[in-house]
Protein backbone atom coordinates (compact mmCIF):
# COMPACT_ATOMS: atom_id res chain seq x y z
CA PRO A 1 124.21 89.66 131.41
CA TRP A 2 124.57 93.38 130.61
CA ALA A 3 122.13 94.12 133.28
CA ASP A 4 124.35 91.80 136.43
CA ILE A 5 127.53 94.49 135.02
CA LEU A 6 125.47 97.43 135.75
CA ARG A 7 124.06 96.45 139.12
CA LEU A 8 127.09 94.77 140.41
CA GLY A 9 129.82 96.32 138.56
CA GLY A 10 132.53 94.53 135.72
CA PHE A 11 135.41 93.45 138.14
CA PRO A 12 135.48 89.62 138.57
CA GLU A 13 134.51 89.27 142.00
CA PRO A 14 131.88 90.98 143.17
CA LEU A 15 130.57 90.12 139.87
CA LEU A 16 130.93 86.12 140.05
CA GLU A 17 129.20 86.51 143.30
CA GLY A 18 126.50 87.67 142.11
CA ASN A 19 125.43 89.19 145.47
CA GLU A 20 124.59 92.99 145.20
CA ALA A 21 125.29 94.31 149.22
CA GLN A 22 128.71 92.02 149.02
CA ALA A 23 129.22 93.79 145.67
CA LYS A 24 128.67 97.60 147.54
CA ARG A 25 131.01 96.56 150.27
CA TRP A 26 133.60 95.35 147.78
CA SER A 27 133.20 98.86 145.81
CA ARG A 28 133.49 100.58 149.39
CA LEU A 29 136.43 98.52 150.75
CA ARG A 30 138.72 98.94 147.44
CA LEU A 31 137.93 102.66 147.30
CA ASP A 32 138.89 103.12 151.42
CA ARG A 33 142.14 101.08 150.46
CA LEU A 34 142.75 103.88 147.60
CA VAL A 35 142.15 106.59 149.67
CA LEU A 36 144.20 105.46 153.36
CA GLU A 37 147.02 103.09 151.34
CA ASP A 38 147.65 102.95 147.63
CA SER A 39 147.97 106.83 146.97
CA ARG A 40 150.42 107.60 149.64
CA ASP A 41 153.02 104.95 147.68
CA PHE A 42 152.77 107.30 144.77
CA LEU A 43 152.38 111.04 146.68
CA ASN A 44 152.47 112.47 149.90
CA ILE A 45 149.30 113.83 150.42
CA SER A 46 149.09 116.14 153.28
CA ASP A 47 145.12 116.96 153.23
CA LEU A 48 143.25 113.46 152.48
CA ASN A 49 140.40 114.93 153.64
CA ALA A 50 140.81 117.11 150.55
CA PHE A 51 141.95 114.26 148.43
CA ARG A 52 138.81 112.39 149.20
CA VAL A 53 136.54 115.38 148.52
CA LEU A 54 138.16 115.61 145.10
CA ILE A 55 137.45 111.69 144.93
CA ASP A 56 133.53 112.11 145.99
CA LEU A 57 133.25 115.08 143.60
CA LEU A 58 134.14 112.55 140.34
CA PRO A 59 130.98 110.41 139.92
CA GLU A 60 128.74 113.17 139.35
CA ARG A 61 131.24 114.44 136.18
CA VAL A 62 130.96 111.35 134.78
CA GLY A 63 130.44 111.63 130.92
CA SER A 64 131.20 115.00 131.10
CA LEU A 65 133.91 117.55 130.34
CA LEU A 66 136.84 117.36 133.35
CA SER A 67 137.57 120.72 134.04
CA VAL A 68 140.11 120.90 137.12
CA ASN A 69 139.19 125.03 137.20
CA SER A 70 136.49 123.97 138.75
CA LEU A 71 137.28 120.70 140.79
CA ARG A 72 140.31 123.26 142.35
CA GLU A 73 137.42 125.84 143.39
CA ASP A 74 135.33 122.98 144.69
CA VAL A 75 138.07 120.80 146.76
CA GLY A 76 140.04 124.44 148.02
CA LYS A 77 143.48 123.30 146.49
CA ALA A 78 146.03 124.36 144.28
CA TYR A 79 145.25 123.86 140.46
CA ALA A 80 148.81 121.63 140.27
CA THR A 81 147.66 120.17 143.36
CA VAL A 82 144.32 119.18 142.08
CA ARG A 83 146.30 118.07 138.57
CA SER A 84 148.42 116.19 140.17
CA TRP A 85 145.76 113.95 142.58
CA LEU A 86 144.05 112.95 139.23
CA GLY A 87 146.94 111.69 138.16
CA VAL A 88 147.63 109.69 140.75
CA LEU A 89 143.91 108.17 140.68
CA ASP A 90 144.89 107.47 136.94
CA VAL A 91 147.72 105.40 138.10
CA LEU A 92 145.48 103.89 140.45
CA TYR A 93 142.56 102.56 137.91
CA PHE A 94 139.86 104.74 139.66
CA CYS A 95 139.35 107.13 136.82
CA PHE A 96 140.38 107.85 133.11
CA THR A 97 139.85 110.26 130.59
CA ILE A 98 139.36 110.16 126.68
CA ARG A 99 140.63 112.71 124.82
CA PRO A 100 137.99 114.97 121.94
CA TYR A 101 139.00 114.15 118.10
CA SER A 102 140.24 116.93 116.37
CA GLY A 103 141.46 115.91 113.05
CA ARG A 104 138.94 116.68 110.21
CA LEU A 105 136.39 118.74 112.04
CA SER A 106 137.33 123.05 112.05
CA ARG A 107 135.17 123.61 114.84
CA SER A 108 136.34 120.39 116.80
CA LEU A 109 136.93 121.24 120.97
CA ARG A 110 140.62 120.94 121.36
CA ALA A 111 140.76 121.35 125.22
CA GLU A 112 139.55 118.98 128.15
CA PRO A 113 138.99 115.49 128.02
CA LYS A 114 135.76 113.38 129.30
CA LEU A 115 136.43 111.24 132.58
CA TYR A 116 135.10 108.19 133.12
CA LEU A 117 135.68 105.66 136.10
CA PHE A 118 136.71 101.93 136.47
CA ASP A 119 133.95 100.73 138.72
CA THR A 120 130.69 102.12 137.96
CA LEU A 121 129.34 101.28 141.68
CA ASN A 122 131.09 104.41 143.10
CA ILE A 123 128.27 105.62 140.52
CA PRO A 124 124.82 106.13 142.15
CA ALA A 125 122.33 103.73 140.68
CA GLU A 126 119.57 106.42 139.78
CA LEU A 127 122.42 108.11 137.77
CA GLN A 128 121.63 105.46 135.45
CA SER A 129 122.58 106.90 131.87
CA LYS A 130 125.62 107.77 133.39
CA ARG A 131 126.47 104.30 134.56
CA LEU A 132 125.17 103.35 130.70
CA GLU A 133 127.81 105.82 129.35
CA ASN A 134 130.61 104.47 131.83
CA GLN A 135 130.51 101.14 131.30
CA VAL A 136 130.47 101.20 127.17
CA ALA A 137 133.78 103.24 127.44
CA LEU A 138 135.54 100.91 129.66
CA HIS A 139 134.10 98.07 127.07
CA LEU A 140 135.40 100.32 123.86
CA LEU A 141 138.90 101.21 126.07
CA LYS A 142 139.65 97.20 126.82
CA ALA A 143 138.69 96.69 122.89
CA CYS A 144 141.03 99.54 121.94
CA CYS A 145 143.76 97.68 123.79
CA TYR A 146 143.29 94.86 122.67
CA TRP A 147 142.77 94.86 118.85
CA THR A 148 146.75 97.11 119.43
CA ASP A 149 147.86 94.81 121.32
CA THR A 150 146.92 92.11 118.97
CA ALA A 151 148.60 94.03 116.15
CA GLN A 152 145.15 94.59 114.23
CA GLY A 153 146.44 98.23 113.87
CA GLU A 154 146.50 101.99 116.38
CA PHE A 155 143.56 101.76 118.14
CA GLU A 156 142.31 105.00 120.39
CA LEU A 157 139.22 106.29 122.04
CA ARG A 158 137.98 109.66 122.12
CA PHE A 159 134.94 111.86 121.46
CA VAL A 160 133.06 114.20 119.03
CA ARG A 161 132.32 117.30 120.61
CA THR A 162 132.44 120.73 118.92
CA LYS A 163 132.41 124.43 120.12
CA GLU A 164 128.69 124.53 118.95
CA LYS A 165 128.10 121.36 121.49
CA ARG A 166 127.28 119.06 119.02
CA GLU A 167 128.39 116.13 120.39
CA VAL A 168 129.05 111.86 119.58
CA ASP A 169 129.93 110.41 122.91
CA PHE A 170 132.72 107.96 121.56
CA LEU A 171 134.74 107.39 118.63
CA VAL A 172 137.38 104.51 117.63
CA GLN A 173 140.19 105.85 115.89
CA ARG A 174 142.04 103.37 113.84
CA ASP A 175 145.75 104.06 112.42
CA ARG A 176 144.51 107.76 113.43
CA LYS A 177 141.44 107.41 111.31
CA PRO A 178 138.03 107.74 112.60
CA TRP A 179 136.67 104.14 112.51
CA MET A 180 133.62 103.29 114.59
CA LEU A 181 130.90 105.84 115.95
CA VAL A 182 129.11 104.98 119.20
CA GLU A 183 126.44 106.70 120.59
CA CYS A 184 124.78 105.71 124.16
CA LYS A 185 120.79 106.24 124.15
CA SER A 186 118.05 105.12 126.00
CA GLY A 187 115.07 105.18 124.11
CA GLU A 188 115.27 107.03 120.94
CA THR A 189 115.39 104.44 118.08
CA GLU A 190 115.88 107.03 115.29
CA PRO A 191 119.66 108.14 114.74
CA ALA A 192 120.17 111.03 116.68
CA ARG A 193 120.61 114.29 114.50
CA ASP A 194 124.30 114.72 116.09
CA MET A 195 124.73 110.65 115.32
CA VAL A 196 123.88 111.78 111.47
CA LEU A 197 125.71 114.67 111.22
CA PHE A 198 129.12 113.01 112.49
CA THR A 199 128.52 109.81 110.52
CA GLU A 200 128.25 111.69 107.09
CA LEU A 201 131.26 114.26 107.99
CA LEU A 202 133.76 111.58 109.45
CA LYS A 203 132.87 108.92 107.09
CA PRO A 204 133.91 106.20 109.98
CA ALA A 205 133.64 102.27 108.41
CA HIS A 206 130.64 101.33 111.50
CA SER A 207 128.20 103.81 113.60
CA PHE A 208 126.55 102.54 116.04
CA GLN A 209 123.64 104.13 118.60
CA LEU A 210 122.65 101.98 121.58
CA VAL A 211 119.41 101.71 123.04
CA THR A 212 118.17 100.14 126.21
CA ASP A 213 115.50 97.57 124.25
CA GLU A 214 117.37 95.05 123.99
CA SER A 215 115.20 93.18 121.40
CA PHE A 216 115.80 96.22 118.89
CA ASP A 217 118.14 96.05 116.30
CA ARG A 218 117.72 98.01 112.78
CA ARG A 219 120.00 99.12 109.84
CA TYR A 220 119.12 102.51 108.97
CA PRO A 221 121.16 102.71 105.54
CA GLU A 222 119.91 106.57 104.50
CA HIS A 223 121.79 107.51 107.56
CA ARG A 224 124.42 104.54 107.65
CA VAL A 225 123.72 103.90 111.18
CA ARG A 226 122.75 100.86 113.42
CA VAL A 227 120.50 101.15 115.87
CA LEU A 228 120.71 97.86 118.61
CA GLY A 229 120.61 96.92 122.29
CA TYR A 230 123.67 97.75 124.38
CA GLN A 231 124.71 93.78 125.43
CA LYS A 232 123.96 92.74 121.91
CA PHE A 233 126.79 95.24 120.52
CA LEU A 234 128.96 94.89 123.27
CA SER A 235 129.10 91.15 123.11
């Protein structure tokens, strides 16, 4: 169930075992191995403490624009070093980024990507909204890879954001055209203003707004938006 995935993470071992304490231990051991062992196969990291500081800073930045300059200042390393370390973390399946869409929007953002983690248990439980958004990002990334691999088209996961900070969390492109918009919410069952705006501008085949009320499922034909629970959408 969706609640178990949020509580235990999406990796098979802790999820199937069903024990929250064991899941946290598994997540911690995976992270320790990544820092102390796996990273050395890719990069000669002379300062493991700084590398660990970088890792500890990333969960707070989930779902936000990734500024390497900001991270560089916090870690105390050169820009090129921090960027290289982020590349290592991407290769080791600790984190991934999605880029902004810039196709039909004249005022769209064209710079920083957004960051997400492969292990949602690295995100503190009190940051529940970030866990929700991160898990949706993982599901959509997996879906895009599957649809592409099964020759249903070329699928890419992006997000939409303008310089005026109008934003929708996710946009799935099919053959480089907007195909599905997805916005993560909690209890807002009315279509969000930005969701309505970008549905009108981009005209995707599907627009979904996700809410925590799993019993809710309503279509808004006037806005071409469907609002429903996370579990129903992701299943």
